[in-house]
Protein backbone atom coordinates (compact mmCIF):
# COMPACT_ATOMS: atom_id res chain seq x y z
CA MET A 1 12.61 4.68 67.33
CA ASN A 2 12.18 8.62 67.13
CA GLU A 3 11.44 10.74 70.41
CA ALA A 4 7.82 10.73 71.07
CA PRO A 5 5.66 14.10 71.25
CA GLN A 6 4.65 14.67 74.52
CA ASN A 7 0.86 13.74 73.50
CA VAL A 8 1.40 10.65 72.74
CA ARG A 9 0.75 7.80 75.62
CA LEU A 10 1.84 4.18 74.70
CA ILE A 11 -0.41 2.23 75.65
CA GLY A 12 0.65 -1.72 74.41
CA GLY A 13 0.74 -3.25 71.34
CA GLU A 14 1.98 -0.76 69.48
CA MET A 15 3.48 -1.41 66.21
CA LEU A 16 7.00 0.57 65.91
CA LEU A 17 7.49 0.10 62.28
CA TRP A 18 4.17 0.49 60.65
CA SER A 19 1.14 2.32 59.18
CA ASP A 20 -2.36 2.69 58.39
CA ALA A 21 -2.63 5.94 57.11
CA ASP A 22 -2.53 5.11 53.40
CA ASP A 23 -5.28 2.27 53.83
CA ALA A 24 -8.27 4.36 56.29
CA ILE A 25 -11.40 4.04 54.20
CA ASP A 26 -11.37 7.17 52.36
CA TRP A 27 -14.21 9.25 54.12
CA ARG A 28 -15.27 12.33 52.37
CA GLY A 29 -18.52 14.37 51.86
CA SER A 30 -21.39 12.00 52.99
CA GLY A 31 -19.44 10.62 55.49
CA LEU A 32 -17.42 14.00 56.90
CA GLU A 33 -21.57 15.50 56.63
CA LEU A 34 -22.67 12.99 58.91
CA VAL A 35 -20.10 13.55 61.62
CA ARG A 36 -19.86 17.02 61.88
CA ARG A 37 -23.52 16.46 62.98
CA LEU A 38 -22.75 14.09 65.86
CA LEU A 39 -20.00 16.13 66.69
CA PRO A 40 -20.65 18.28 70.09
CA ALA A 41 -21.78 21.60 69.77
CA GLU A 42 -19.01 24.80 69.21
CA GLY A 43 -18.51 25.54 72.72
CA ALA A 44 -20.63 22.33 74.09
CA GLU A 45 -18.72 20.13 76.07
CA GLY A 46 -18.15 16.23 75.15
CA ARG A 47 -15.52 13.59 75.04
CA VAL A 48 -14.73 12.74 72.02
CA LEU A 49 -12.72 9.30 70.39
CA LEU A 50 -11.73 8.22 67.14
CA ALA A 51 -10.60 4.63 67.39
CA GLY A 52 -8.81 2.79 64.26
CA PRO A 53 -6.98 4.79 61.55
CA HIS A 54 -9.32 7.76 60.36
CA PRO A 55 -8.86 10.42 56.87
CA GLN A 56 -6.70 13.25 58.25
CA VAL A 57 -9.68 15.50 57.16
CA LEU A 58 -11.95 13.99 59.63
CA VAL A 59 -9.53 13.79 62.69
CA ASP A 60 -8.46 17.71 61.56
CA ALA A 61 -12.59 18.14 61.79
CA VAL A 62 -12.78 16.37 65.05
CA ALA A 63 -9.46 18.16 66.16
CA ALA A 64 -11.31 21.83 65.49
CA ARG A 65 -14.46 21.15 67.18
CA ALA A 66 -14.15 19.03 69.89
CA SER A 67 -13.17 20.48 72.96
CA SER A 68 -12.10 17.18 74.27
CA ALA A 69 -10.65 14.62 71.04
CA ALA A 70 -8.82 12.17 72.00
CA VAL A 71 -7.53 9.38 69.09
CA LEU A 72 -6.75 5.26 69.22
CA VAL A 73 -4.32 3.46 67.24
CA ARG A 74 -2.45 1.02 66.77
CA SER A 75 0.74 2.21 64.65
CA TYR A 76 3.35 3.96 66.11
CA PRO A 77 4.68 6.09 63.40
CA ASP A 78 0.49 7.42 62.39
CA ALA A 79 0.62 8.16 66.49
CA CYS A 80 3.52 10.93 66.22
CA ALA A 81 2.33 12.61 63.19
CA ILE A 82 -1.31 13.24 64.68
CA GLY A 83 0.72 13.96 67.38
CA GLU A 84 2.80 16.48 66.15
CA ARG A 85 -0.20 17.70 63.80
CA HIS A 86 -2.90 18.37 66.83
CA PRO A 87 -1.40 19.01 70.12
CA SER A 88 -4.53 19.56 71.86
CA LEU A 89 -5.38 15.74 71.01
CA THR A 90 -4.47 12.84 73.12
CA VAL A 91 -3.61 9.72 71.35
CA HIS A 92 -3.12 6.56 72.49
CA CYS A 93 -0.80 4.00 70.40
CA GLY A 94 -1.76 0.32 70.89
CA ARG A 95 -4.78 -2.41 71.20
CA LEU A 96 -7.84 -1.28 71.36
CA ARG A 97 -9.01 -3.42 74.52
CA ALA A 98 -5.54 -2.35 76.72
CA LEU A 99 -7.04 1.02 76.97
CA THR A 100 -8.92 0.81 79.91
CA GLY A 101 -9.36 2.51 82.95
CA GLU A 102 -10.47 6.19 81.10
CA GLU A 103 -13.76 8.09 81.60
CA PRO A 104 -16.60 7.19 79.26
CA TYR A 105 -16.75 9.03 75.86
CA ASP A 106 -19.55 10.74 74.63
CA LEU A 107 -18.72 9.53 70.85
CA VAL A 108 -17.21 6.82 69.89
CA LEU A 109 -16.12 7.14 65.66
CA ALA A 110 -15.04 3.57 64.38
CA LEU A 111 -15.84 4.69 60.64
CA ASP A 112 -12.90 1.96 59.48
CA GLY A 113 -14.08 -1.04 61.78
CA LEU A 114 -12.43 -3.47 64.34
CA ARG A 115 -10.26 -5.28 62.33
CA ARG A 116 -7.35 -2.77 62.58
CA THR A 117 -7.91 -1.74 66.47
CA CYS A 118 -5.95 -4.22 67.61
CA SER A 119 -2.11 -5.90 67.12
CA ALA A 120 0.38 -7.92 65.58
CA GLU A 121 1.82 -8.88 68.87
CA GLU A 122 -1.47 -10.57 70.38
CA PRO A 123 -4.01 -13.25 68.94
CA PRO A 124 -6.77 -11.59 66.89
CA PRO A 125 -9.02 -11.14 69.23
CA SER A 126 -12.46 -11.61 67.74
CA TRP A 127 -15.22 -8.76 66.51
CA GLN A 128 -17.96 -9.42 69.03
CA ALA A 129 -14.33 -8.81 71.80
CA SER A 130 -13.08 -6.04 70.18
CA LEU A 131 -16.99 -4.62 70.22
CA ASP A 132 -17.46 -4.98 73.45
CA ALA A 133 -14.51 -3.57 73.93
CA LEU A 134 -15.18 -0.47 72.38
CA THR A 135 -18.93 -0.58 73.50
CA ALA A 136 -16.83 -0.47 76.97
CA LEU A 137 -15.91 3.49 76.10
CA VAL A 138 -19.03 4.72 75.15
CA ALA A 139 -20.56 7.08 78.29
CA PRO A 140 -24.10 6.60 78.93
CA GLY A 141 -26.06 8.84 76.67
CA GLY A 142 -23.12 8.98 74.56
CA ARG A 143 -23.33 7.35 70.87
CA LEU A 144 -20.75 5.26 68.63
CA VAL A 145 -20.49 5.27 64.98
CA LEU A 146 -19.16 2.04 64.24
CA ALA A 147 -17.93 0.60 60.00
CA VAL A 148 -19.00 -2.39 59.24
CA ALA A 149 -17.63 -4.03 55.95
CA ASN A 150 -20.13 -6.57 54.28
CA ASP A 151 -18.20 -9.87 53.03
CA LEU A 152 -20.86 -9.87 50.67
CA GLY A 153 -21.73 -6.80 49.61
CA ILE A 154 -21.73 -5.66 45.69
CA ASP A 155 -18.13 -5.08 45.29
CA ARG A 156 -17.29 -8.16 46.06
CA PHE A 157 -19.30 -9.41 42.41
CA VAL A 158 -17.78 -6.24 41.23
CA GLU A 159 -14.05 -7.12 41.72
CA ALA A 160 -12.05 -10.28 40.48
CA ARG A 161 -9.75 -10.58 42.57
CA PRO A 162 -10.60 -11.79 45.89
CA PRO A 163 -10.70 -9.37 49.11
CA ASP A 164 -7.31 -11.63 50.61
CA ARG A 165 -4.53 -9.71 47.44
CA GLU A 166 -5.54 -6.06 48.13
CA GLY A 167 -1.86 -6.08 49.28
CA GLY A 168 -2.70 -3.56 51.94
CA ASP A 169 -1.06 -3.27 55.62
CA GLY A 170 -4.15 -4.71 57.52
CA GLN A 171 -3.74 -8.07 54.81
CA TRP A 172 -1.20 -9.76 56.65
CA GLU A 173 -4.89 -12.44 58.04
CA PRO A 174 -7.67 -13.35 55.85
CA HIS A 175 -10.71 -12.15 56.99
CA GLY A 176 -13.73 -13.86 56.83
CA PHE A 177 -13.35 -17.20 59.02
CA ASP A 178 -14.72 -14.97 61.91
CA PRO A 179 -18.08 -16.53 62.99
CA SER A 180 -18.99 -13.27 65.54
CA HIS A 181 -18.83 -10.78 62.34
CA PRO A 182 -22.14 -9.86 61.40
CA SER A 183 -23.61 -11.30 57.94
CA GLY A 184 -26.36 -8.82 57.72
CA ALA A 185 -27.72 -5.81 58.94
CA GLY A 186 -30.03 -7.87 61.22
CA ARG A 187 -27.12 -9.11 62.72
CA LEU A 188 -25.39 -5.61 63.63
CA ASP A 189 -28.18 -4.38 64.93
CA ARG A 190 -28.98 -7.33 67.30
CA ALA A 191 -24.59 -7.19 68.40
CA LEU A 192 -25.16 -3.60 69.32
CA GLU A 193 -28.36 -4.29 71.14
CA SER A 194 -26.29 -7.38 73.21
CA ALA A 195 -23.56 -4.72 73.96
CA GLY A 196 -26.46 -2.63 75.39
CA LEU A 197 -27.24 0.18 72.68
CA ALA A 198 -30.03 0.82 70.81
CA VAL A 199 -29.60 1.92 67.28
CA ASP A 200 -30.62 5.08 65.93
CA ARG A 201 -30.23 4.29 62.42
CA CYS A 202 -28.22 1.90 60.01
CA TYR A 203 -26.36 3.31 56.74
CA ALA A 204 -26.10 1.33 53.39
CA ALA A 205 -22.66 2.92 52.09
CA TYR A 206 -22.12 2.65 48.60
CA PRO A 207 -20.83 2.09 45.52
CA GLY A 208 -17.62 0.73 47.77
CA HIS A 209 -16.11 0.09 51.03
CA ARG A 210 -13.38 1.76 50.11
CA THR A 211 -14.54 5.34 49.60
CA PRO A 212 -18.02 4.97 50.51
CA ARG A 213 -19.71 8.32 48.84
CA ALA A 214 -23.29 7.89 49.37
CA LEU A 215 -25.06 6.51 53.07
CA LEU A 216 -28.60 5.68 52.59
CA GLY A 217 -31.16 4.69 56.05
CA ARG A 218 -33.69 1.79 55.98
CA GLU A 219 -36.17 3.76 55.48
CA LEU A 220 -35.21 5.17 51.75
CA LEU A 221 -34.38 1.42 50.87
CA ALA A 222 -37.83 -0.27 52.32
CA GLN A 223 -39.47 2.20 49.36
CA ASP A 224 -39.34 1.47 45.83
CA LEU A 225 -36.45 4.17 45.19
CA PRO A 226 -36.24 6.21 41.56
CA GLU A 227 -33.73 5.38 38.98
CA ALA A 228 -32.47 8.74 39.60
CA LEU A 229 -31.78 7.97 43.21
CA THR A 230 -28.76 4.93 42.33
CA VAL A 231 -27.29 7.16 39.76
CA PRO A 232 -24.43 7.78 41.96
CA LEU A 233 -24.12 4.51 43.45
CA GLY A 234 -22.22 2.92 41.41
CA ALA A 235 -18.85 2.41 41.36
CA ARG A 236 -16.82 4.66 38.62
CA GLY A 237 -13.30 3.77 37.21
CA GLY A 238 -10.31 2.57 39.08
CA ASP A 239 -11.25 -0.87 38.99
CA THR A 240 -8.61 -2.85 37.76
CA MET A 241 -10.10 -6.10 36.66
CA ARG A 242 -13.72 -6.02 36.88
CA VAL A 243 -16.30 -8.79 36.31
CA ALA A 244 -19.14 -6.94 35.46
CA ASP A 245 -20.10 -3.66 34.76
CA PRO A 246 -20.80 -1.63 38.82
CA LEU A 247 -23.08 1.01 37.97
CA ARG A 248 -26.32 -1.26 36.35
CA LEU A 249 -25.12 -4.12 38.66
CA SER A 250 -26.45 -1.76 41.53
CA ARG A 251 -29.48 -0.32 39.54
CA LEU A 252 -30.09 -3.71 39.84
CA ALA A 253 -29.93 -4.12 43.17
CA PHE A 254 -31.79 -1.53 43.99
CA ARG A 255 -34.47 -2.78 41.64
CA HIS A 256 -34.98 -5.98 43.46
CA GLY A 257 -34.74 -4.72 46.92
CA LEU A 258 -31.25 -6.00 47.84
CA GLY A 259 -29.74 -2.42 49.00
CA GLU A 260 -29.07 -2.88 52.09
CA GLN A 261 -28.10 -6.44 52.00
CA LEU A 262 -25.59 -5.71 49.00
CA ALA A 263 -24.53 -2.85 50.38
CA PRO A 264 -20.46 -2.99 50.25
CA LEU A 265 -20.27 -1.32 53.86
CA TRP A 266 -22.93 -0.84 56.77
CA LEU A 267 -22.47 2.52 59.13
CA ALA A 268 -24.68 2.01 62.60
CA VAL A 269 -25.56 5.06 64.65
CA ALA A 270 -26.14 3.30 68.10
CA THR A 271 -27.01 4.81 71.42
CA ARG A 272 -26.49 4.42 75.45
CA PRO A 273 -29.70 4.46 77.00
CA GLY A 274 -29.47 7.73 79.31
CA ASP A 275 -29.63 11.34 78.35
CA ALA A 276 -29.06 12.06 75.09
CA GLY A 277 -28.08 15.30 73.26
CA ASP A 278 -31.08 15.45 69.72
CA VAL A 279 -29.54 15.23 66.39
CA GLU A 280 -30.69 15.33 63.55
CA LEU A 281 -29.80 12.28 61.14
CA PRO A 282 -30.88 12.40 57.62
CA PRO A 283 -32.38 10.10 55.93
CA GLY A 284 -29.55 10.03 53.59
CA LEU A 285 -26.26 11.37 52.30
CA ILE A 286 -24.91 11.28 48.66
CA GLU A 287 -21.56 12.81 47.55
CA VAL A 288 -21.89 14.01 43.78
CA GLY A 289 -18.71 15.77 42.78
CA ARG A 290 -17.52 18.27 45.50
CA ALA A 291 -20.90 18.68 46.62
CA VAL A 292 -23.13 16.90 48.67
CA HIS A 293 -26.32 16.11 49.16
CA GLU A 294 -29.64 15.39 51.74
CA VAL A 295 -31.62 12.85 50.32
CA THR A 296 -35.04 11.81 52.14
CA ARG A 297 -38.44 10.22 50.59
CA ALA A 298 -39.27 12.34 48.35
CA ALA A 299 -36.80 15.59 47.64
CA ILE A 300 -33.41 16.49 47.24
CA ARG A 301 -31.16 18.88 48.68
CA ARG A 302 -27.90 20.56 47.80
CA LEU A 303 -25.52 21.31 51.43
CA PRO A 304 -25.46 23.61 52.81
CA GLY A 305 -28.15 25.91 52.65
CA GLY A 306 -29.55 24.21 49.22
CA ALA A 307 -33.20 24.59 48.13
CA GLY A 308 -35.12 20.90 48.26
CA ARG A 309 -35.89 19.63 45.04
CA PRO A 310 -38.12 16.76 43.93
CA ILE A 311 -36.14 13.56 42.73
CA PRO A 312 -37.22 13.43 38.92
CA ARG A 313 -38.73 10.38 37.68
CA GLY A 314 -38.12 8.01 34.71
CA ARG A 315 -35.12 6.37 32.68
CA VAL A 316 -31.95 6.61 32.73
CA VAL A 317 -31.10 8.22 29.93
CA GLU A 318 -28.08 6.30 29.89
CA GLU A 319 -29.34 3.12 30.44
CA MET A 320 -31.67 3.48 27.67
CA LEU A 321 -29.03 4.05 25.17
CA VAL A 322 -27.03 0.73 26.48
CA GLU A 323 -29.80 -1.12 26.28
CA ALA A 324 -30.84 -0.06 22.61
CA CYS A 325 -26.96 -0.81 21.53
CA ALA A 326 -27.66 -3.57 22.96
CA ARG A 327 -30.61 -4.81 20.77
CA GLU A 328 -28.64 -3.04 17.92
CA ASP A 329 -31.30 -0.64 17.58
CA VAL A 330 -30.26 1.78 15.89
CA ARG A 331 -33.03 3.88 14.78
CA ALA A 332 -34.24 3.83 18.98
CA VAL A 333 -30.68 5.26 19.62
CA ARG A 334 -31.06 7.87 16.63
CA GLU A 335 -34.49 9.17 17.75
CA LEU A 336 -33.62 9.26 21.98
CA LEU A 337 -30.21 10.95 20.42
CA ALA A 338 -32.37 13.65 18.10
CA LYS A 339 -34.25 14.14 21.35
CA LEU A 340 -31.53 15.15 23.64
CA ALA A 341 -30.35 17.32 21.18
CA ASP A 342 -33.63 19.18 20.73
CA TRP A 343 -33.21 19.50 25.26
CA VAL A 344 -29.98 20.58 24.25
CA THR A 345 -29.86 23.54 21.81
CA ASP A 346 -33.10 24.83 24.65
CA GLY A 347 -30.75 25.21 27.17
CA GLY A 348 -30.76 21.63 28.93
CA ASP A 349 -26.95 20.39 29.96
CA ALA A 350 -26.73 17.15 31.90
CA THR A 351 -24.54 13.97 31.03
CA ALA A 352 -26.59 10.86 30.41
CA ASP A 353 -25.75 9.43 34.24
CA ASN A 354 -27.15 12.53 35.87
CA LEU A 355 -30.49 12.72 33.30
CA VAL A 356 -33.99 10.60 33.30
CA TRP A 357 -35.98 10.76 30.71
CA ASP A 358 -39.99 10.09 31.66
CA GLY A 359 -41.81 9.67 27.59
CA GLU A 360 -41.95 13.37 27.49
CA HIS A 361 -39.03 15.57 29.58
CA PHE A 362 -35.64 15.08 30.50
CA ALA A 363 -34.61 16.17 34.41
CA ALA A 364 -31.14 16.42 35.54
CA VAL A 365 -30.52 14.32 38.38
CA ILE A 366 -27.93 16.78 39.91
CA PRO A 367 -27.82 19.88 37.91
CA MET A 368 -24.86 20.64 36.79
CA PRO A 369 -22.22 23.56 37.96
CA VAL A 370 -22.29 26.28 35.58
CA PRO A 371 -19.50 26.59 33.70
CA ALA A 372 -17.35 30.28 33.59
CA THR A 373 -18.79 30.83 29.93
CA ALA A 374 -21.94 29.82 28.40
CA PRO A 375 -20.57 27.05 25.47
CA VAL A 376 -22.27 26.55 21.78
CA ALA A 377 -25.51 23.41 22.45
CA ARG A 378 -23.01 21.65 19.86
CA ILE A 379 -20.12 21.27 22.72
CA VAL A 380 -22.19 21.02 25.34
CA LEU A 381 -23.76 17.46 22.96
CA CYS A 382 -20.12 16.68 22.46
CA ARG A 383 -19.54 16.93 26.12
CA ILE A 384 -22.67 14.25 26.63
CA LEU A 385 -21.81 11.58 23.98
CA TRP A 386 -18.59 12.01 24.33
CA ARG A 387 -18.80 11.22 28.28
CA PHE A 388 -20.95 7.72 27.20
CA ALA A 389 -18.88 6.29 24.92
CA VAL A 390 -16.07 6.43 26.80
CA ARG A 391 -18.51 4.59 29.85
CA LEU A 392 -19.93 2.46 27.28
CA LEU A 393 -15.96 0.88 25.89
CA ALA A 394 -14.97 1.43 29.60
CA ALA A 395 -17.80 -1.32 30.70
CA GLY A 396 -17.27 -3.74 28.05
CA HIS A 397 -21.22 -3.09 26.68
CA HIS A 398 -22.19 -4.03 23.17
CA HIS A 399 -22.74 -1.59 20.23
CA PRO A 400 -23.56 -1.71 16.88
CA TRP A 401 -20.09 0.32 15.51
CA PRO A 402 -17.91 -2.53 15.44
CA TRP A 403 -15.57 -0.33 13.73
CA PRO A 404 -13.82 1.87 14.69
CA LEU A 405 -13.58 1.22 18.45
CA ALA A 406 -12.75 3.84 20.14
CA ALA A 407 -14.18 6.53 22.42
CA ASP A 408 -13.15 9.83 20.10
CA GLN A 409 -14.62 8.40 16.67
CA LEU A 410 -17.41 6.58 18.70
CA THR A 411 -18.26 10.33 19.53
CA LEU A 412 -17.99 11.42 16.76
CA THR A 413 -20.80 8.51 14.77
CA LEU A 414 -23.22 9.75 17.75
CA CYS A 415 -22.90 13.25 16.72
CA GLY A 416 -24.05 12.41 13.62
CA MET A 417 -26.67 10.47 14.82
CA ALA A 418 -27.96 12.82 16.94
CA GLY A 419 -28.45 15.12 13.54
CA LYS A 420 -25.12 18.15 15.02
CA PRO A 421 -21.61 16.89 13.54
CA CYS A 422 -19.05 17.80 15.13
CA ASP A 423 -15.43 17.96 13.92
CA GLN A 424 -12.32 17.33 16.24
CA ALA A 425 -11.78 20.90 17.30
CA ASP A 426 -15.59 20.31 18.70
CA LEU A 427 -14.08 17.46 20.49
CA ASP A 428 -11.53 18.78 21.66
CA GLN A 429 -13.17 22.02 23.44
CA ALA A 430 -15.69 19.55 24.46
CA ARG A 431 -12.59 17.66 27.09
CA LYS A 432 -12.20 20.75 27.61
CA LEU A 433 -15.58 21.93 29.19
CA ASP A 434 -15.35 18.57 30.56
CA ALA A 435 -12.58 19.36 33.09
CA GLU A 436 -13.53 22.83 33.99
CA LEU A 437 -16.95 21.23 35.08
CA GLY A 438 -14.93 18.65 37.73
CA GLN A 439 -14.47 15.08 37.84
CA PRO A 440 -13.57 14.29 33.75
CA ALA A 441 -13.92 11.37 31.84
CA GLU A 442 -10.89 9.43 31.41
CA VAL A 443 -9.87 6.97 28.91
CA PRO A 444 -9.72 3.78 30.97
CA ASP A 445 -5.46 2.24 30.21
CA ALA A 446 -6.87 -0.59 29.03
CA PRO A 447 -8.53 -1.75 32.46
CA PRO A 448 -9.37 -5.81 31.48
CA THR A 449 -13.56 -5.95 31.31
CA TYR A 450 -15.16 -9.18 31.44
CA ARG A 451 -16.20 -8.67 27.71
CA ASP A 452 -12.88 -8.79 27.13
CA LEU A 453 -10.95 -11.58 28.95
CA LEU A 454 -13.93 -13.63 27.94
CA GLY A 455 -13.05 -12.57 24.12
CA ALA A 456 -9.00 -12.97 24.65
CA ARG A 457 -9.93 -16.49 26.29
CA ASP A 458 -12.19 -17.13 23.26
CA ARG A 459 -8.99 -16.55 21.09
CA LEU A 460 -6.79 -18.06 22.99
CA ALA A 461 -9.03 -21.35 23.74
CA ASP A 462 -9.60 -21.69 19.63
CA GLN A 463 -5.55 -21.11 18.90
CA LEU A 464 -5.15 -24.27 21.28
CA THR A 465 -7.31 -26.39 19.45
CA ALA A 466 -5.79 -25.84 16.43
CA ALA A 467 -2.28 -26.95 19.04
CA LEU A 468 -3.77 -29.45 19.60
CA ALA A 469 -5.22 -30.73 16.63
CA ARG A 470 -2.30 -30.41 14.70
CA VAL A 471 -0.09 -32.24 17.16
CA ALA A 472 -2.33 -34.66 17.31
CA ARG A 473 -1.75 -35.44 13.38
CA LEU A 474 2.13 -34.73 13.85
CA GLU A 475 1.75 -37.83 17.10
CA THR A 476 -0.46 -39.47 14.11
CA LYS A 477 2.10 -39.29 10.85
CA LEU A 478 5.91 -39.67 13.49
CA THR A 479 3.96 -42.99 14.24
CA TYR A 480 3.31 -44.22 10.94
CA ARG A 481 7.01 -43.60 10.03
CA GLU A 482 8.47 -44.74 13.26
CA ARG A 483 6.72 -47.81 12.14
CA GLU A 484 7.58 -47.80 8.45
CA LEU A 485 11.50 -47.66 9.76
CA VAL A 486 11.15 -50.80 11.94
CA ARG A 487 9.68 -52.14 8.27
CA ALA A 488 12.78 -51.41 6.60
CA ARG A 489 15.16 -51.53 9.88
CA ALA A 490 13.79 -54.95 9.38
CA LYS A 491 14.07 -55.61 5.55
CA VAL A 492 18.06 -54.22 5.72
CA ARG A 493 18.86 -56.64 8.15
CA ARG A 494 17.62 -60.13 6.28
CA SER A 495 18.85 -58.76 3.21
CA GLN A 496 22.39 -58.42 4.68
CA ARG A 497 22.09 -61.64 6.13
CA LYS A 498 21.58 -63.44 2.64
CA VAL A 499 24.22 -60.67 1.04
CA ALA A 500 26.63 -62.43 3.93
CA ALA A 501 25.64 -65.88 2.89
CA TYR A 502 25.79 -65.95 -0.14
CA ARG A 503 29.46 -64.01 -0.39
CA ARG A 504 30.23 -67.61 1.54
CA THR A 505 29.48 -69.70 -1.36
CA LEU A 506 31.90 -71.45 -3.62
CA GLY A 507 30.55 -69.97 -6.88
CA TYR A 508 30.94 -65.97 -5.52
CA ARG A 509 34.59 -66.80 -4.69
CA LEU A 510 35.12 -68.04 -8.25
CA SER A 511 33.44 -65.53 -9.60
CA ARG A 512 34.87 -62.98 -7.95
CA ARG A 513 38.06 -64.24 -8.89
CA LEU A 514 37.12 -64.13 -12.30
CA VAL A 515 35.77 -61.07 -12.46
CA HIS A 516 39.54 -59.37 -13.83
CA PRO A 517 39.66 -61.63 -16.38
CA ARG A 518 43.30 -59.09 -17.66
CA LYS A 519 45.00 -60.10 -14.04
CA VAL A 520 44.59 -62.87 -13.56
CA ALA A 521 46.46 -63.85 -17.51
CA ARG A 522 48.61 -61.77 -16.25
CA LYS A 523 49.28 -63.83 -13.14
CA VAL A 524 49.37 -66.96 -14.71
CA MET A 525 51.88 -66.07 -17.40
CA ARG A 526 53.97 -65.76 -15.08
CA MET A 527 53.83 -68.73 -13.30
CA LEU A 528 54.49 -70.19 -16.67
CA SER A 529 57.52 -67.68 -17.66
CA ARG A 530 59.60 -69.15 -14.15
């Protein structure tokens, strides 16, 4: 074991040959923006504690802003790495319940939850016991930011593999059997209140519990969210084995008012009674691309300093096209694509999943970044349809063009239906434009979708049925042949017995003697000559 830095303190329960750094929740824009608002202002006094593994960008932000900050991790290699990177931080290495005798903190951040604050050197404590140990570190007037994974989140419906097969470092014990673990946002509120904290705001995090990119407060979830707002909330890509289209499933969950109940992750901000400073908590934060947007009841604005703009009303164009393809309504697809082509010709630019149609006008949900050089309208339309074709095929949706199934050829078909024929060179330029604007669409490496699995199962079922029928026919024929063979063997044995009896008769022996008369005559002549 290497010598630990001076700012690393071993408190008991440290795991010497373990690392949680690669398996921490990937908090980026939205989570980082919320933490920045909760951190003490520059020059202000305030003690901050990071409990559990956190991404490096979050640790850097806390170390840069807080005048007094500490980190608690159970992994000794992670503690040494953090201590070397930030000499000003106090790094506690060990289990959460061993962190005693510390002065309370004004802000406690546990954005990875409580499951990885215990050690393998002890029996795992219950979630409630870990919460009690954590809330004891919150000072009067201090705040706690706690993430809790939802065992019945929408990402559990999307992923075909069970959660205990993820294979991460934290998966040495099964989860979901702790009765104290919150089974809903309401139970999370009651658990925090029983620990002496008042819940300021509880966010629903989407699209997944490992990669949260959007935080929506309850006041937003309580109202009828426009479809345009639910566009960035669906998981896109990276799924190894999907049961359903995650983007469509997320829209249905919000449409039926289940956004909070089916959230993959809950992020609660709670305060202990006391002299707490005023902090403006946003109703919602959504990360799209490289930008973070603040969401209110009726407007959305880009941070920092962006002007608010109304959330457009209407139906998402991608969903309209998917439904028309499912009905094989080629006429509806052609009419909508023709209107889209006219809108692009007039200077519009937005992908089909970032565009709404109210029956008269198109409107982009999130304004598109301006490319370095303005492309021609045909290339812009080709890019939009290329991304839609990739999404359509990757999600396993039905469409009325069974051949060809490649995204390239499907894109050229859609361009022709829009009245703007394109060739392969235009498609190559559209891909370059997509890469320049960020988050380029990528054709997945044939990840199995639910439709593919059903098709493979049906093919295997047909092959198995045919093989079983052939085996049944062969078994019937084999049984018949075995019976024929038994009868033939019995007949041969009866014939052999008859032959043996016939050979023992006097007539058979005399006939055998008279079969060769010349040989018998020679024997007789020899006898007479003597």
